[in-house]
Amino acid sequence: MSLFTTEELNMSINKAVDATKTEAINILSSVLENWVHGGDADCIIAEFEEKLNNEIRI
């Protein structure tokens, strides 16, 4: 016997996914703001990955 219904669990998972997605978009936006004047893609991706790993814990 479960404490939560399948629907409740799915809703919780979807909320977590949405929150994680929003946080990732915010992190990417902050990285891209710093690279307005150029920069190679590898550096931008590396900085994004670093910030993403530091901010989002699953």
PDB file of N, CA and C in Angstrom:
ATOM      1  N   MET A   1       0.836  -1.169   0.000  1.00  0.00           N
ATOM      2  CA  MET A   1       0.000   0.000   0.000  1.00  0.00           C
ATOM      3  C   MET A   1       0.894   1.250   0.000  1.00  0.00           C
ATOM      4  N   SER A   2       0.628   2.144  -0.911  1.00  0.00           N
ATOM      5  CA  SER A   2       1.432   3.347  -1.076  1.00  0.00           C
ATOM      6  C   SER A   2       0.775   4.535  -0.373  1.00  0.00           C
ATOM      7  N   LEU A   3       1.599   5.438   0.087  1.00  0.00           N
ATOM      8  CA  LEU A   3       1.085   6.647   0.711  1.00  0.00           C
ATOM      9  C   LEU A   3       0.572   7.650  -0.319  1.00  0.00           C
ATOM     10  N   PHE A   4       1.060   7.532  -1.562  1.00  0.00           N
ATOM     11  CA  PHE A   4       0.695   8.458  -2.622  1.00  0.00           C
ATOM     12  C   PHE A   4       0.105   7.709  -3.800  1.00  0.00           C
ATOM     13  N   THR A   5      -0.781   8.379  -4.505  1.00  0.00           N
ATOM     14  CA  THR A   5      -1.332   7.781  -5.721  1.00  0.00           C
ATOM     15  C   THR A   5      -0.342   7.981  -6.859  1.00  0.00           C
ATOM     16  N   THR A   6      -0.517   7.232  -7.915  1.00  0.00           N
ATOM     17  CA  THR A   6       0.329   7.379  -9.096  1.00  0.00           C
ATOM     18  C   THR A   6       0.222   8.793  -9.651  1.00  0.00           C
ATOM     19  N   GLU A   7      -0.959   9.342  -9.639  1.00  0.00           N
ATOM     20  CA  GLU A   7      -1.168  10.705 -10.138  1.00  0.00           C
ATOM     21  C   GLU A   7      -0.395  11.721  -9.295  1.00  0.00           C
ATOM     22  N   GLU A   8      -0.406  11.555  -7.982  1.00  0.00           N
ATOM     23  CA  GLU A   8       0.333  12.463  -7.105  1.00  0.00           C
ATOM     24  C   GLU A   8       1.841  12.364  -7.345  1.00  0.00           C
ATOM     25  N   LEU A   9       2.315  11.145  -7.511  1.00  0.00           N
ATOM     26  CA  LEU A   9       3.739  10.950  -7.784  1.00  0.00           C
ATOM     27  C   LEU A   9       4.128  11.576  -9.119  1.00  0.00           C
ATOM     28  N   ASN A  10       3.297  11.378 -10.137  1.00  0.00           N
ATOM     29  CA  ASN A  10       3.577  11.968 -11.445  1.00  0.00           C
ATOM     30  C   ASN A  10       3.583  13.489 -11.380  1.00  0.00           C
ATOM     31  N   MET A  11       2.659  14.060 -10.625  1.00  0.00           N
ATOM     32  CA  MET A  11       2.608  15.515 -10.480  1.00  0.00           C
ATOM     33  C   MET A  11       3.875  16.027  -9.787  1.00  0.00           C
ATOM     34  N   SER A  12       4.336  15.325  -8.778  1.00  0.00           N
ATOM     35  CA  SER A  12       5.550  15.724  -8.070  1.00  0.00           C
ATOM     36  C   SER A  12       6.770  15.646  -8.983  1.00  0.00           C
ATOM     37  N   ILE A  13       6.854  14.589  -9.741  1.00  0.00           N
ATOM     38  CA  ILE A  13       7.967  14.425 -10.685  1.00  0.00           C
ATOM     39  C   ILE A  13       7.936  15.536 -11.729  1.00  0.00           C
ATOM     40  N   ASN A  14       6.773  15.830 -12.265  1.00  0.00           N
ATOM     41  CA  ASN A  14       6.657  16.882 -13.276  1.00  0.00           C
ATOM     42  C   ASN A  14       7.038  18.244 -12.713  1.00  0.00           C
ATOM     43  N   LYS A  15       6.676  18.515 -11.464  1.00  0.00           N
ATOM     44  CA  LYS A  15       7.067  19.780 -10.835  1.00  0.00           C
ATOM     45  C   LYS A  15       8.586  19.859 -10.687  1.00  0.00           C
ATOM     46  N   ALA A  16       9.195  18.756 -10.300  1.00  0.00           N
ATOM     47  CA  ALA A  16      10.650  18.731 -10.143  1.00  0.00           C
ATOM     48  C   ALA A  16      11.342  18.927 -11.487  1.00  0.00           C
ATOM     49  N   VAL A  17      10.812  18.294 -12.520  1.00  0.00           N
ATOM     50  CA  VAL A  17      11.380  18.446 -13.863  1.00  0.00           C
ATOM     51  C   VAL A  17      11.259  19.894 -14.318  1.00  0.00           C
ATOM     52  N   ASP A  18      10.101  20.499 -14.121  1.00  0.00           N
ATOM     53  CA  ASP A  18       9.896  21.889 -14.516  1.00  0.00           C
ATOM     54  C   ASP A  18      10.833  22.829 -13.761  1.00  0.00           C
ATOM     55  N   ALA A  19      10.999  22.597 -12.470  1.00  0.00           N
ATOM     56  CA  ALA A  19      11.887  23.442 -11.669  1.00  0.00           C
ATOM     57  C   ALA A  19      13.335  23.295 -12.132  1.00  0.00           C
ATOM     58  N   THR A  20      13.746  22.080 -12.431  1.00  0.00           N
ATOM     59  CA  THR A  20      15.106  21.829 -12.902  1.00  0.00           C
ATOM     60  C   THR A  20      15.323  22.481 -14.261  1.00  0.00           C
ATOM     61  N   LYS A  21      14.337  22.364 -15.126  1.00  0.00           N
ATOM     62  CA  LYS A  21      14.419  22.970 -16.454  1.00  0.00           C
ATOM     63  C   LYS A  21      14.539  24.487 -16.349  1.00  0.00           C
ATOM     64  N   THR A  22      13.746  25.087 -15.493  1.00  0.00           N
ATOM     65  CA  THR A  22      13.782  26.535 -15.301  1.00  0.00           C
ATOM     66  C   THR A  22      15.138  26.967 -14.763  1.00  0.00           C
ATOM     67  N   GLU A  23      15.660  26.233 -13.803  1.00  0.00           N
ATOM     68  CA  GLU A  23      16.964  26.563 -13.227  1.00  0.00           C
ATOM     69  C   GLU A  23      18.064  26.442 -14.283  1.00  0.00           C
ATOM     70  N   ALA A  24      18.003  25.416 -15.118  1.00  0.00           N
ATOM     71  CA  ALA A  24      19.005  25.237 -16.172  1.00  0.00           C
ATOM     72  C   ALA A  24      18.945  26.389 -17.172  1.00  0.00           C
ATOM     73  N   ILE A  25      17.755  26.829 -17.517  1.00  0.00           N
ATOM     74  CA  ILE A  25      17.605  27.952 -18.439  1.00  0.00           C
ATOM     75  C   ILE A  25      18.179  29.218 -17.814  1.00  0.00           C
ATOM     76  N   ASN A  26      17.922  29.444 -16.536  1.00  0.00           N
ATOM     77  CA  ASN A  26      18.469  30.616 -15.851  1.00  0.00           C
ATOM     78  C   ASN A  26      19.994  30.584 -15.814  1.00  0.00           C
ATOM     79  N   ILE A  27      20.551  29.409 -15.559  1.00  0.00           N
ATOM     80  CA  ILE A  27      22.009  29.270 -15.530  1.00  0.00           C
ATOM     81  C   ILE A  27      22.588  29.531 -16.909  1.00  0.00           C
ATOM     82  N   LEU A  28      21.992  28.961 -17.943  1.00  0.00           N
ATOM     83  CA  LEU A  28      22.479  29.187 -19.305  1.00  0.00           C
ATOM     84  C   LEU A  28      22.386  30.656 -19.672  1.00  0.00           C
ATOM     85  N   SER A  29      21.311  31.306 -19.300  1.00  0.00           N
ATOM     86  CA  SER A  29      21.156  32.736 -19.588  1.00  0.00           C
ATOM     87  C   SER A  29      22.271  33.544 -18.932  1.00  0.00           C
ATOM     88  N   SER A  30      22.595  33.212 -17.681  1.00  0.00           N
ATOM     89  CA  SER A  30      23.654  33.955 -16.991  1.00  0.00           C
ATOM     90  C   SER A  30      25.012  33.725 -17.654  1.00  0.00           C
ATOM     91  N   VAL A  31      25.249  32.524 -18.145  1.00  0.00           N
ATOM     92  CA  VAL A  31      26.503  32.234 -18.846  1.00  0.00           C
ATOM     93  C   VAL A  31      26.558  33.020 -20.147  1.00  0.00           C
ATOM     94  N   LEU A  32      25.469  33.003 -20.908  1.00  0.00           N
ATOM     95  CA  LEU A  32      25.463  33.675 -22.201  1.00  0.00           C
ATOM     96  C   LEU A  32      25.577  35.189 -22.067  1.00  0.00           C
ATOM     97  N   GLU A  33      25.057  35.753 -20.991  1.00  0.00           N
ATOM     98  CA  GLU A  33      25.194  37.194 -20.760  1.00  0.00           C
ATOM     99  C   GLU A  33      26.662  37.597 -20.678  1.00  0.00           C
ATOM    100  N   ASN A  34      27.487  36.721 -20.135  1.00  0.00           N
ATOM    101  CA  ASN A  34      28.917  37.012 -19.999  1.00  0.00           C
ATOM    102  C   ASN A  34      29.680  36.832 -21.309  1.00  0.00           C
ATOM    103  N   TRP A  35      29.072  36.213 -22.295  1.00  0.00           N
ATOM    104  CA  TRP A  35      29.753  35.924 -23.559  1.00  0.00           C
ATOM    105  C   TRP A  35      29.173  36.722 -24.722  1.00  0.00           C
ATOM    106  N   VAL A  36      28.576  37.872 -24.420  1.00  0.00           N
ATOM    107  CA  VAL A  36      27.938  38.696 -25.448  1.00  0.00           C
ATOM    108  C   VAL A  36      28.930  39.098 -26.529  1.00  0.00           C
ATOM    109  N   HIS A  37      30.159  39.348 -26.155  1.00  0.00           N
ATOM    110  CA  HIS A  37      31.145  39.851 -27.109  1.00  0.00           C
ATOM    111  C   HIS A  37      31.954  38.738 -27.759  1.00  0.00           C
ATOM    112  N   GLY A  38      31.453  37.558 -27.762  1.00  0.00           N
ATOM    113  CA  GLY A  38      32.152  36.460 -28.427  1.00  0.00           C
ATOM    114  C   GLY A  38      32.678  35.443 -27.449  1.00  0.00           C
ATOM    115  N   GLY A  39      33.383  34.503 -27.989  1.00  0.00           N
ATOM    116  CA  GLY A  39      33.906  33.396 -27.209  1.00  0.00           C
ATOM    117  C   GLY A  39      33.603  32.128 -27.972  1.00  0.00           C
ATOM    118  N   ASP A  40      34.463  31.157 -27.825  1.00  0.00           N
ATOM    119  CA  ASP A  40      34.193  29.945 -28.594  1.00  0.00           C
ATOM    120  C   ASP A  40      33.196  29.056 -27.868  1.00  0.00           C
ATOM    121  N   ALA A  41      32.537  28.236 -28.630  1.00  0.00           N
ATOM    122  CA  ALA A  41      31.458  27.402 -28.106  1.00  0.00           C
ATOM    123  C   ALA A  41      31.941  26.471 -27.002  1.00  0.00           C
ATOM    124  N   ASP A  42      33.153  25.943 -27.129  1.00  0.00           N
ATOM    125  CA  ASP A  42      33.668  25.016 -26.116  1.00  0.00           C
ATOM    126  C   ASP A  42      33.768  25.677 -24.744  1.00  0.00           C
ATOM    127  N   CYS A  43      34.204  26.933 -24.710  1.00  0.00           N
ATOM    128  CA  CYS A  43      34.321  27.651 -23.437  1.00  0.00           C
ATOM    129  C   CYS A  43      32.944  27.920 -22.841  1.00  0.00           C
ATOM    130  N   ILE A  44      32.014  28.305 -23.690  1.00  0.00           N
ATOM    131  CA  ILE A  44      30.664  28.586 -23.219  1.00  0.00           C
ATOM    132  C   ILE A  44      30.034  27.313 -22.653  1.00  0.00           C
ATOM    133  N   ILE A  45      30.174  26.215 -23.377  1.00  0.00           N
ATOM    134  CA  ILE A  45      29.607  24.935 -22.936  1.00  0.00           C
ATOM    135  C   ILE A  45      30.260  24.486 -21.631  1.00  0.00           C
ATOM    136  N   ALA A  46      31.565  24.629 -21.533  1.00  0.00           N
ATOM    137  CA  ALA A  46      32.277  24.210 -20.318  1.00  0.00           C
ATOM    138  C   ALA A  46      31.815  25.013 -19.108  1.00  0.00           C
ATOM    139  N   GLU A  47      31.659  26.326 -19.286  1.00  0.00           N
ATOM    140  CA  GLU A  47      31.197  27.156 -18.171  1.00  0.00           C
ATOM    141  C   GLU A  47      29.772  26.786 -17.772  1.00  0.00           C
ATOM    142  N   PHE A  48      28.926  26.532 -18.774  1.00  0.00           N
ATOM    143  CA  PHE A  48      27.544  26.132 -18.499  1.00  0.00           C
ATOM    144  C   PHE A  48      27.514  24.820 -17.723  1.00  0.00           C
ATOM    145  N   GLU A  49      28.283  23.838 -18.161  1.00  0.00           N
ATOM    146  CA  GLU A  49      28.321  22.546 -17.474  1.00  0.00           C
ATOM    147  C   GLU A  49      28.797  22.710 -16.028  1.00  0.00           C
ATOM    148  N   GLU A  50      29.805  23.552 -15.834  1.00  0.00           N
ATOM    149  CA  GLU A  50      30.332  23.761 -14.490  1.00  0.00           C
ATOM    150  C   GLU A  50      29.274  24.389 -13.579  1.00  0.00           C
ATOM    151  N   LYS A  51      28.633  25.445 -14.069  1.00  0.00           N
ATOM    152  CA  LYS A  51      27.602  26.104 -13.260  1.00  0.00           C
ATOM    153  C   LYS A  51      26.411  25.169 -13.029  1.00  0.00           C
ATOM    154  N   LEU A  52      26.041  24.412 -14.044  1.00  0.00           N
ATOM    155  CA  LEU A  52      24.919  23.486 -13.925  1.00  0.00           C
ATOM    156  C   LEU A  52      25.223  22.440 -12.854  1.00  0.00           C
ATOM    157  N   ASN A  53      26.409  21.895 -12.881  1.00  0.00           N
ATOM    158  CA  ASN A  53      26.793  20.890 -11.875  1.00  0.00           C
ATOM    159  C   ASN A  53      26.838  21.470 -10.472  1.00  0.00           C
ATOM    160  N   ASN A  54      27.202  22.741 -10.356  1.00  0.00           N
ATOM    161  CA  ASN A  54      27.280  23.375  -9.042  1.00  0.00           C
ATOM    162  C   ASN A  54      25.921  23.762  -8.501  1.00  0.00           C
ATOM    163  N   GLU A  55      24.959  24.042  -9.367  1.00  0.00           N
ATOM    164  CA  GLU A  55      23.669  24.571  -8.940  1.00  0.00           C
ATOM    165  C   GLU A  55      22.572  23.521  -8.816  1.00  0.00           C
ATOM    166  N   ILE A  56      22.586  22.546  -9.694  1.00  0.00           N
ATOM    167  CA  ILE A  56      21.487  21.574  -9.726  1.00  0.00           C
ATOM    168  C   ILE A  56      21.967  20.251  -9.142  1.00  0.00           C
ATOM    169  N   ARG A  57      21.352  19.883  -8.069  1.00  0.00           N
ATOM    170  CA  ARG A  57      21.648  18.602  -7.410  1.00  0.00           C
ATOM    171  C   ARG A  57      20.408  17.739  -7.482  1.00  0.00           C
ATOM    172  N   ILE A  58      20.575  16.582  -8.039  1.00  0.00           N
ATOM    173  CA  ILE A  58      19.424  15.666  -8.174  1.00  0.00           C
ATOM    174  C   ILE A  58      19.607  14.500  -7.237  1.00  0.00           C
TER     175      ILE A  58
END
